[in-house]
N, C-alpha and C. Protein backbone atom coordinates (compact mmCIF):
# COMPACT_ATOMS: atom_id res chain seq x y z
N MET A 1 66.18 114.04 109.02
CA MET A 1 67.04 114.39 108.14
C MET A 1 67.82 113.30 109.15
N GLY A 2 68.45 114.24 110.24
CA GLY A 2 69.26 113.33 110.90
C GLY A 2 69.63 111.74 111.21
N LYS A 3 69.11 110.54 111.49
CA LYS A 3 68.58 109.61 110.86
C LYS A 3 69.51 109.29 109.84
N GLN A 4 68.99 109.93 108.31
CA GLN A 4 69.14 109.73 107.30
C GLN A 4 71.07 109.59 107.19
N VAL A 5 71.35 110.88 107.34
CA VAL A 5 72.79 111.05 107.54
C VAL A 5 73.17 110.40 108.63
N ASP A 6 73.11 109.42 109.94
CA ASP A 6 73.82 109.18 110.58
C ASP A 6 73.96 107.60 109.51
N LYS A 7 72.75 106.95 108.71
CA LYS A 7 72.44 106.22 108.18
C LYS A 7 73.64 105.82 107.48
N ILE A 8 73.68 107.03 106.49
CA ILE A 8 75.08 107.30 104.91
C ILE A 8 76.79 107.36 105.95
N LEU A 9 76.12 108.59 106.92
CA LEU A 9 78.29 108.37 107.14
C LEU A 9 77.94 106.40 108.13
N GLN A 10 77.35 105.82 108.30
CA GLN A 10 77.89 104.37 108.51
C GLN A 10 78.26 103.73 107.46
N ASN A 11 78.19 104.01 106.32
CA ASN A 11 77.70 102.75 105.17
C ASN A 11 79.07 102.78 105.07
N LYS A 12 79.74 101.25 104.92
CA LYS A 12 81.52 101.36 104.55
C LYS A 12 81.54 101.03 102.96
N ILE A 13 82.11 101.99 102.33
CA ILE A 13 82.52 101.75 101.22
C ILE A 13 84.08 101.08 100.79
N LEU A 14 84.58 100.59 101.67
CA LEU A 14 85.97 100.24 101.38
C LEU A 14 86.82 99.39 103.06
N GLN A 15 86.31 98.12 102.95
CA GLN A 15 87.05 98.01 104.96
C GLN A 15 88.07 96.98 104.12
N VAL A 16 89.45 97.05 104.82
CA VAL A 16 90.44 95.54 104.44
C VAL A 16 90.51 95.29 106.22
N GLU A 17 91.51 94.76 106.18
CA GLU A 17 90.76 93.93 107.62
C GLU A 17 92.76 93.13 107.52
N ASN A 18 93.59 93.16 108.03
CA ASN A 18 94.94 92.12 107.98
C ASN A 18 95.29 91.81 106.55
N LEU A 19 95.56 93.16 106.23
CA LEU A 19 96.15 93.24 104.33
C LEU A 19 97.38 92.85 104.52
N ALA A 20 98.40 91.80 104.10
CA ALA A 20 100.34 91.81 104.18
C ALA A 20 100.48 91.62 102.51
N VAL A 21 101.37 92.19 102.39
CA VAL A 21 102.00 92.51 101.02
C VAL A 21 103.21 91.71 101.17
N THR A 22 103.13 90.50 100.33
CA THR A 22 105.43 90.42 100.25
C THR A 22 105.39 89.84 99.08
N PHE A 23 107.20 90.45 98.80
CA PHE A 23 107.92 90.09 97.53
C PHE A 23 108.77 89.19 97.92
N LYS A 24 108.91 88.64 96.83
CA LYS A 24 109.56 87.04 96.51
C LYS A 24 110.88 87.96 96.33
N THR A 25 111.85 87.54 96.31
CA THR A 25 113.28 88.21 95.74
C THR A 25 114.34 86.91 96.09
N TYR A 26 115.12 87.16 95.45
CA TYR A 26 116.87 86.12 95.32
C TYR A 26 117.34 86.55 96.38
N ALA A 27 116.64 86.89 97.12
CA ALA A 27 118.09 87.53 98.95
C ALA A 27 116.78 86.70 99.12
N GLY A 28 115.53 86.66 99.22
CA GLY A 28 114.22 85.87 100.53
C GLY A 28 113.03 87.46 100.48
N THR A 29 112.33 87.07 100.98
CA THR A 29 110.62 87.17 101.67
C THR A 29 111.09 88.56 101.53
N ILE A 30 110.47 89.21 101.05
CA ILE A 30 110.49 90.94 101.94
C ILE A 30 108.98 91.47 102.47
N TYR A 31 109.23 92.33 103.58
CA TYR A 31 107.48 91.98 103.85
C TYR A 31 107.64 93.45 103.61
N ALA A 32 105.97 93.70 102.60
CA ALA A 32 106.03 95.19 102.48
C ALA A 32 105.28 95.69 102.98
N VAL A 33 104.16 95.06 103.38
CA VAL A 33 102.45 95.91 104.46
C VAL A 33 102.75 93.89 105.33
N ASN A 34 102.79 94.45 106.64
CA ASN A 34 102.04 93.64 107.69
C ASN A 34 101.04 94.23 108.61
N ASN A 35 99.60 93.18 107.73
CA ASN A 35 99.00 92.98 108.81
C ASN A 35 98.15 94.68 109.30
N ILE A 36 98.19 95.29 107.94
CA ILE A 36 96.82 96.53 108.40
C ILE A 36 95.47 96.69 108.44
N SER A 37 94.87 97.78 109.09
CA SER A 37 93.20 96.88 108.59
C SER A 37 92.80 98.61 108.65
N PHE A 38 91.99 98.83 107.86
CA PHE A 38 91.27 100.35 107.43
C PHE A 38 90.00 99.89 107.09
N SER A 39 88.88 101.29 106.87
CA SER A 39 87.55 101.32 106.51
C SER A 39 87.27 102.84 106.06
N VAL A 40 86.44 103.23 104.94
CA VAL A 40 86.23 103.80 104.71
C VAL A 40 84.76 104.58 104.40
N LYS A 41 84.47 104.87 105.35
CA LYS A 41 82.57 104.89 104.73
C LYS A 41 82.44 105.75 104.41
N GLN A 42 81.40 106.24 103.45
CA GLN A 42 81.17 106.82 102.19
C GLN A 42 80.55 108.52 102.78
N ASN A 43 81.45 109.01 101.86
CA ASN A 43 81.67 110.60 102.23
C ASN A 43 82.83 110.78 103.56
N GLU A 44 83.27 109.89 103.42
CA GLU A 44 84.88 109.81 104.39
C GLU A 44 86.03 110.41 103.29
N THR A 45 86.92 110.68 103.29
CA THR A 45 88.69 111.02 103.01
C THR A 45 89.56 110.03 104.19
N LEU A 46 90.55 109.01 103.36
CA LEU A 46 91.08 107.89 103.63
C LEU A 46 92.03 109.43 103.87
N VAL A 47 93.37 109.53 103.92
CA VAL A 47 94.83 109.78 103.99
C VAL A 47 96.07 109.17 104.19
N ILE A 48 96.66 108.63 103.62
CA ILE A 48 98.00 107.41 104.26
C ILE A 48 99.31 108.57 103.94
N VAL A 49 100.01 108.33 105.03
CA VAL A 49 101.22 108.88 105.31
C VAL A 49 102.03 108.51 105.57
N GLY A 50 103.70 108.57 105.44
CA GLY A 50 104.38 108.16 105.93
C GLY A 50 105.76 108.41 105.26
N GLU A 51 106.66 107.84 105.86
CA GLU A 51 108.39 108.27 105.04
C GLU A 51 108.14 107.48 103.62
N SER A 52 109.26 107.90 102.74
CA SER A 52 109.69 107.22 101.55
C SER A 52 109.65 105.60 102.23
N GLY A 53 109.06 104.59 100.84
CA GLY A 53 109.69 103.46 101.08
C GLY A 53 108.47 102.17 102.11
N CYS A 54 107.74 103.21 102.76
CA CYS A 54 107.01 102.85 103.86
C CYS A 54 105.70 101.62 103.55
N GLY A 55 105.68 101.73 102.47
CA GLY A 55 104.33 101.00 102.06
C GLY A 55 103.15 101.50 101.49
N LYS A 56 102.79 102.92 101.28
CA LYS A 56 102.18 103.88 101.25
C LYS A 56 101.32 103.57 99.63
N SER A 57 102.37 102.91 98.60
CA SER A 57 102.13 102.57 97.04
C SER A 57 101.48 101.12 96.92
N VAL A 58 102.63 100.80 97.50
CA VAL A 58 102.04 98.76 97.67
C VAL A 58 100.64 98.93 98.55
N THR A 59 100.26 99.59 99.47
CA THR A 59 98.96 99.30 100.01
C THR A 59 98.01 99.41 99.27
N ALA A 60 98.26 100.73 97.86
CA ALA A 60 97.12 100.79 97.05
C ALA A 60 97.00 100.26 96.55
N SER A 61 97.99 99.78 95.88
CA SER A 61 97.96 98.92 94.50
C SER A 61 97.74 97.78 94.42
N SER A 62 97.58 97.05 96.14
CA SER A 62 97.36 95.91 96.07
C SER A 62 95.90 96.01 96.61
N ILE A 63 95.61 96.79 96.83
CA ILE A 63 93.43 96.67 97.43
C ILE A 63 93.17 97.13 96.21
N MET A 64 94.00 97.64 95.13
CA MET A 64 93.35 98.10 93.66
C MET A 64 94.04 96.87 92.48
N GLN A 65 94.73 96.18 93.34
CA GLN A 65 94.95 94.62 92.49
C GLN A 65 95.40 95.03 91.06
N TYR A 66 96.59 96.03 91.31
CA TYR A 66 96.95 96.66 89.52
C TYR A 66 98.35 95.70 89.59
N SER A 67 99.29 95.14 90.93
CA SER A 67 100.23 94.55 90.48
C SER A 67 100.06 93.13 90.44
N LYS A 68 100.41 92.38 88.91
CA LYS A 68 100.30 90.87 89.46
C LYS A 68 101.83 90.14 89.91
N PHE A 69 102.76 91.09 90.04
CA PHE A 69 103.85 90.40 91.30
C PHE A 69 104.33 90.06 92.33
N ASN A 70 103.28 90.86 93.57
CA ASN A 70 103.69 90.50 94.38
C ASN A 70 101.95 89.61 95.12
N TYR A 71 102.69 89.08 96.43
CA TYR A 71 101.52 88.48 96.64
C TYR A 71 100.69 88.80 98.07
N ALA A 72 99.78 89.10 98.16
CA ALA A 72 99.12 90.20 98.86
C ALA A 72 97.72 89.36 99.52
N THR A 73 97.60 89.14 100.63
CA THR A 73 96.47 88.55 101.49
C THR A 73 96.01 89.17 102.40
N ALA A 74 94.53 89.33 102.80
CA ALA A 74 93.56 89.98 103.37
C ALA A 74 92.81 89.44 104.17
N LYS A 75 92.54 88.80 105.87
CA LYS A 75 91.77 88.55 105.99
C LYS A 75 89.90 89.18 105.21
N ARG A 76 90.34 90.13 105.08
CA ARG A 76 88.60 90.47 104.41
C ARG A 76 88.99 92.12 103.94
N SER A 77 88.52 91.88 102.66
CA SER A 77 88.85 92.83 101.81
C SER A 77 87.41 93.70 101.14
N THR A 78 86.89 94.35 100.93
CA THR A 78 85.26 95.07 100.30
C THR A 78 85.33 95.74 99.84
N TYR A 79 84.75 96.01 99.02
CA TYR A 79 84.28 97.32 98.15
C TYR A 79 83.16 97.63 97.63
N GLN A 80 82.42 98.22 97.30
CA GLN A 80 81.29 98.58 97.40
C GLN A 80 80.77 99.95 96.91
N ASP A 81 80.07 100.32 95.21
CA ASP A 81 80.01 101.25 94.72
C ASP A 81 78.95 101.96 94.94
């Protein structure tokens, strides 16, 4: 059973590499998120904490592709069911 558990824990269900999100405004470009990377394995929980306005919601929205108005780039972003 130990090998089976190890295999499950190694399965990444979400991987994000070098995520950057910018907003174009009349005043110029706002860099909301700059070059963050993380992964989440099966049976693992990721908690993102930080001050108000630090990019937590922008990060989540970009990964889920909720917003049509921001510009997000990532070297790699993968999700597995």
